[in-house]
């Protein structure tokens, strides 16, 4: 991992409570970076990742990138992210896969949408407490 990649993520990880598995967060950030921002377009500051490149494969490319994107959602669930945030994350992945499956236009959409970076940001906001609503009460559901 390059120094740029590592330093880009250190700030967010330092803001997390001690109870959060930092190795899992780093893995999520790495996957998001590889899928959304691993390659800089020459002559620009714009970056793309494997997601839009996989989308170039007819049919299966967007399904494969969607499956890889689900890793971030599953890891977020394991870390304790709320159901509401997980549903929002799944919606981002769903939009990414559905829109990305449109030939040519979908690949451009994938390059700009960056669902994985959005999802890591959502998870980090919630895990750090930045997204917490102080007036919200916890809901307990009893299962018999």
C-alpha atoms as a PDB file:
ATOM      1  CA  UNK A   1       0.000   0.000   0.000  1.00  0.00           C
ATOM      2  CA  UNK A   2       1.436   3.364  -0.952  1.00  0.00           C
ATOM      3  CA  UNK A   3       2.078   6.143   1.560  1.00  0.00           C
ATOM      4  CA  UNK A   4      -0.628   8.258  -0.113  1.00  0.00           C
ATOM      5  CA  UNK A   5      -3.195   5.521   0.385  1.00  0.00           C
ATOM      6  CA  UNK A   6      -2.193   4.888   3.977  1.00  0.00           C
ATOM      7  CA  UNK A   7      -2.138   8.550   4.951  1.00  0.00           C
ATOM      8  CA  UNK A   8      -5.505   9.216   3.310  1.00  0.00           C
ATOM      9  CA  UNK A   9      -7.165   6.776   5.691  1.00  0.00           C
ATOM     10  CA  UNK A  10      -5.289   7.400   8.962  1.00  0.00           C
ATOM     11  CA  UNK A  11      -7.350  10.417   9.996  1.00  0.00           C
ATOM     12  CA  UNK A  12     -10.700   8.626   9.807  1.00  0.00           C
ATOM     13  CA  UNK A  13      -9.393   5.590  11.683  1.00  0.00           C
ATOM     14  CA  UNK A  14      -7.952   7.709  14.494  1.00  0.00           C
ATOM     15  CA  UNK A  15     -11.418   9.175  15.140  1.00  0.00           C
ATOM     16  CA  UNK A  16     -12.969   5.760  15.799  1.00  0.00           C
ATOM     17  CA  UNK A  17     -13.676   4.396  19.286  1.00  0.00           C
ATOM     18  CA  UNK A  18     -11.217   1.795  20.602  1.00  0.00           C
ATOM     19  CA  UNK A  19     -13.859  -0.931  20.300  1.00  0.00           C
ATOM     20  CA  UNK A  20     -13.844  -0.745  16.472  1.00  0.00           C
ATOM     21  CA  UNK A  21     -11.664  -3.296  14.668  1.00  0.00           C
ATOM     22  CA  UNK A  22      -9.183  -1.052  12.857  1.00  0.00           C
ATOM     23  CA  UNK A  23      -7.838  -3.890  10.695  1.00  0.00           C
ATOM     24  CA  UNK A  24     -11.345  -4.486   9.336  1.00  0.00           C
ATOM     25  CA  UNK A  25     -11.751  -0.772   8.614  1.00  0.00           C
ATOM     26  CA  UNK A  26      -8.424  -0.706   6.768  1.00  0.00           C
ATOM     27  CA  UNK A  27      -9.507  -3.719   4.697  1.00  0.00           C
ATOM     28  CA  UNK A  28     -12.770  -1.981   3.809  1.00  0.00           C
ATOM     29  CA  UNK A  29     -10.903   1.170   2.815  1.00  0.00           C
ATOM     30  CA  UNK A  30      -8.452  -0.841   0.722  1.00  0.00           C
ATOM     31  CA  UNK A  31     -11.238  -2.649  -1.151  1.00  0.00           C
ATOM     32  CA  UNK A  32     -13.062   0.636  -1.771  1.00  0.00           C
ATOM     33  CA  UNK A  33      -9.854   2.259  -3.021  1.00  0.00           C
ATOM     34  CA  UNK A  34      -9.102  -0.629  -5.401  1.00  0.00           C
ATOM     35  CA  UNK A  35     -12.666  -0.686  -6.742  1.00  0.00           C
ATOM     36  CA  UNK A  36     -13.180   3.080  -7.054  1.00  0.00           C
ATOM     37  CA  UNK A  37      -9.916   5.058  -7.099  1.00  0.00           C
ATOM     38  CA  UNK A  38      -6.854   2.892  -7.733  1.00  0.00           C
ATOM     39  CA  UNK A  39      -5.894   4.278 -11.159  1.00  0.00           C
ATOM     40  CA  UNK A  40      -5.360   7.952 -11.968  1.00  0.00           C
ATOM     41  CA  UNK A  41      -6.398   8.980 -15.475  1.00  0.00           C
ATOM     42  CA  UNK A  42      -3.217  10.405 -17.073  1.00  0.00           C
ATOM     43  CA  UNK A  43      -3.241  14.178 -17.399  1.00  0.00           C
ATOM     44  CA  UNK A  44      -6.084  14.617 -14.905  1.00  0.00           C
ATOM     45  CA  UNK A  45      -6.756  14.362 -11.186  1.00  0.00           C
ATOM     46  CA  UNK A  46      -9.658  11.956 -11.849  1.00  0.00           C
ATOM     47  CA  UNK A  47      -9.293   8.408 -10.563  1.00  0.00           C
ATOM     48  CA  UNK A  48     -11.093   5.195 -11.438  1.00  0.00           C
ATOM     49  CA  UNK A  49     -10.842   1.697 -10.054  1.00  0.00           C
ATOM     50  CA  UNK A  50     -11.656  -1.849 -11.004  1.00  0.00           C
ATOM     51  CA  UNK A  51     -15.415  -1.275 -10.786  1.00  0.00           C
ATOM     52  CA  UNK A  52     -15.796   0.586 -14.099  1.00  0.00           C
ATOM     53  CA  UNK A  53     -13.104  -1.597 -15.684  1.00  0.00           C
ATOM     54  CA  UNK A  54     -14.939  -4.795 -14.699  1.00  0.00           C
ATOM     55  CA  UNK A  55     -18.083  -3.177 -16.084  1.00  0.00           C
ATOM     56  CA  UNK A  56     -16.540  -3.383 -19.533  1.00  0.00           C
ATOM     57  CA  UNK A  57     -17.037  -7.168 -19.418  1.00  0.00           C
ATOM     58  CA  UNK A  58     -20.489  -7.788 -20.900  1.00  0.00           C
ATOM     59  CA  UNK A  59     -23.005  -9.281 -18.486  1.00  0.00           C
ATOM     60  CA  UNK A  60     -20.821 -10.614 -15.706  1.00  0.00           C
ATOM     61  CA  UNK A  61     -18.552  -7.622 -15.049  1.00  0.00           C
ATOM     62  CA  UNK A  62     -21.072  -5.553 -13.097  1.00  0.00           C
ATOM     63  CA  UNK A  63     -22.233  -8.612 -11.163  1.00  0.00           C
ATOM     64  CA  UNK A  64     -18.619  -9.348 -10.164  1.00  0.00           C
ATOM     65  CA  UNK A  65     -18.006  -5.765  -9.066  1.00  0.00           C
ATOM     66  CA  UNK A  66     -21.299  -5.801  -7.143  1.00  0.00           C
ATOM     67  CA  UNK A  67     -20.235  -8.989  -5.357  1.00  0.00           C
ATOM     68  CA  UNK A  68     -16.920  -7.378  -4.415  1.00  0.00           C
ATOM     69  CA  UNK A  69     -18.800  -4.293  -3.198  1.00  0.00           C
ATOM     70  CA  UNK A  70     -20.868  -6.458  -0.864  1.00  0.00           C
ATOM     71  CA  UNK A  71     -17.711  -7.205   1.135  1.00  0.00           C
ATOM     72  CA  UNK A  72     -17.815  -3.640   2.483  1.00  0.00           C
ATOM     73  CA  UNK A  73     -21.477  -4.022   3.460  1.00  0.00           C
ATOM     74  CA  UNK A  74     -20.878  -7.375   5.177  1.00  0.00           C
ATOM     75  CA  UNK A  75     -17.837  -6.069   7.050  1.00  0.00           C
ATOM     76  CA  UNK A  76     -19.830  -2.994   8.117  1.00  0.00           C
ATOM     77  CA  UNK A  77     -22.571  -5.243   9.476  1.00  0.00           C
ATOM     78  CA  UNK A  78     -19.963  -7.224  11.405  1.00  0.00           C
ATOM     79  CA  UNK A  79     -18.644  -3.980  12.889  1.00  0.00           C
ATOM     80  CA  UNK A  80     -22.123  -3.047  14.139  1.00  0.00           C
ATOM     81  CA  UNK A  81     -23.372  -0.508  11.601  1.00  0.00           C
ATOM     82  CA  UNK A  82     -27.150   0.034  11.926  1.00  0.00           C
ATOM     83  CA  UNK A  83     -29.721  -1.654   9.680  1.00  0.00           C
ATOM     84  CA  UNK A  84     -30.774   1.681   8.228  1.00  0.00           C
ATOM     85  CA  UNK A  85     -27.218   2.461   7.146  1.00  0.00           C
ATOM     86  CA  UNK A  86     -26.746  -1.069   5.802  1.00  0.00           C
ATOM     87  CA  UNK A  87     -29.904  -0.641   3.707  1.00  0.00           C
ATOM     88  CA  UNK A  88     -28.562   2.640   2.363  1.00  0.00           C
ATOM     89  CA  UNK A  89     -25.279   0.932   1.535  1.00  0.00           C
ATOM     90  CA  UNK A  90     -27.116  -1.888  -0.257  1.00  0.00           C
ATOM     91  CA  UNK A  91     -29.069   0.721  -2.224  1.00  0.00           C
ATOM     92  CA  UNK A  92     -25.798   2.332  -3.358  1.00  0.00           C
ATOM     93  CA  UNK A  93     -24.492  -1.060  -4.508  1.00  0.00           C
ATOM     94  CA  UNK A  94     -27.805  -1.802  -6.234  1.00  0.00           C
ATOM     95  CA  UNK A  95     -27.756   1.498  -8.112  1.00  0.00           C
ATOM     96  CA  UNK A  96     -24.110   0.877  -9.034  1.00  0.00           C
ATOM     97  CA  UNK A  97     -24.855  -2.583 -10.470  1.00  0.00           C
ATOM     98  CA  UNK A  98     -28.111  -1.603 -12.204  1.00  0.00           C
ATOM     99  CA  UNK A  99     -26.839   1.598 -13.788  1.00  0.00           C
ATOM    100  CA  UNK A 100     -23.453   0.065 -14.531  1.00  0.00           C
ATOM    101  CA  UNK A 101     -25.078  -2.684 -16.583  1.00  0.00           C
ATOM    102  CA  UNK A 102     -26.162  -0.177 -19.240  1.00  0.00           C
ATOM    103  CA  UNK A 103     -23.628  -0.444 -22.080  1.00  0.00           C
ATOM    104  CA  UNK A 104     -21.090   2.418 -22.351  1.00  0.00           C
ATOM    105  CA  UNK A 105     -23.103   4.944 -20.290  1.00  0.00           C
ATOM    106  CA  UNK A 106     -23.071   2.569 -17.337  1.00  0.00           C
ATOM    107  CA  UNK A 107     -19.295   2.380 -17.352  1.00  0.00           C
ATOM    108  CA  UNK A 108     -19.069   6.170 -17.236  1.00  0.00           C
ATOM    109  CA  UNK A 109     -21.617   6.166 -14.410  1.00  0.00           C
ATOM    110  CA  UNK A 110     -19.525   3.587 -12.507  1.00  0.00           C
ATOM    111  CA  UNK A 111     -16.464   5.794 -12.814  1.00  0.00           C
ATOM    112  CA  UNK A 112     -18.301   8.765 -11.290  1.00  0.00           C
ATOM    113  CA  UNK A 113     -20.669   7.089  -8.759  1.00  0.00           C
ATOM    114  CA  UNK A 114     -17.997   5.459  -6.541  1.00  0.00           C
ATOM    115  CA  UNK A 115     -20.468   3.505  -4.404  1.00  0.00           C
ATOM    116  CA  UNK A 116     -17.720   1.802  -2.419  1.00  0.00           C
ATOM    117  CA  UNK A 117     -16.109   5.033  -1.247  1.00  0.00           C
ATOM    118  CA  UNK A 118     -19.585   6.301  -0.321  1.00  0.00           C
ATOM    119  CA  UNK A 119     -20.263   3.133   1.656  1.00  0.00           C
ATOM    120  CA  UNK A 120     -16.985   3.276   3.583  1.00  0.00           C
ATOM    121  CA  UNK A 121     -17.704   6.915   4.374  1.00  0.00           C
ATOM    122  CA  UNK A 122     -21.196   6.007   5.649  1.00  0.00           C
ATOM    123  CA  UNK A 123     -19.784   3.243   7.839  1.00  0.00           C
ATOM    124  CA  UNK A 124     -17.002   5.430   9.240  1.00  0.00           C
ATOM    125  CA  UNK A 125     -19.415   8.276   9.977  1.00  0.00           C
ATOM    126  CA  UNK A 126     -21.643   5.955  11.947  1.00  0.00           C
ATOM    127  CA  UNK A 127     -18.849   4.092  13.713  1.00  0.00           C
ATOM    128  CA  UNK A 128     -17.201   7.357  14.761  1.00  0.00           C
ATOM    129  CA  UNK A 129     -20.494   8.693  16.093  1.00  0.00           C
ATOM    130  CA  UNK A 130     -20.641  11.618  13.647  1.00  0.00           C
ATOM    131  CA  UNK A 131     -23.870  10.295  12.164  1.00  0.00           C
ATOM    132  CA  UNK A 132     -25.571   9.660  15.501  1.00  0.00           C
ATOM    133  CA  UNK A 133     -28.842  11.412  16.218  1.00  0.00           C
ATOM    134  CA  UNK A 134     -28.792  12.434  19.901  1.00  0.00           C
ATOM    135  CA  UNK A 135     -32.580  12.620  20.059  1.00  0.00           C
ATOM    136  CA  UNK A 136     -33.056   9.093  18.684  1.00  0.00           C
ATOM    137  CA  UNK A 137     -33.886   6.322  21.079  1.00  0.00           C
ATOM    138  CA  UNK A 138     -32.591   2.794  20.714  1.00  0.00           C
ATOM    139  CA  UNK A 139     -35.154   0.299  19.475  1.00  0.00           C
ATOM    140  CA  UNK A 140     -35.124  -3.126  21.013  1.00  0.00           C
ATOM    141  CA  UNK A 141     -36.862  -5.979  19.210  1.00  0.00           C
ATOM    142  CA  UNK A 142     -37.637  -9.081  21.212  1.00  0.00           C
ATOM    143  CA  UNK A 143     -37.559 -12.348  19.314  1.00  0.00           C
ATOM    144  CA  UNK A 144     -39.313 -15.323  20.814  1.00  0.00           C
END
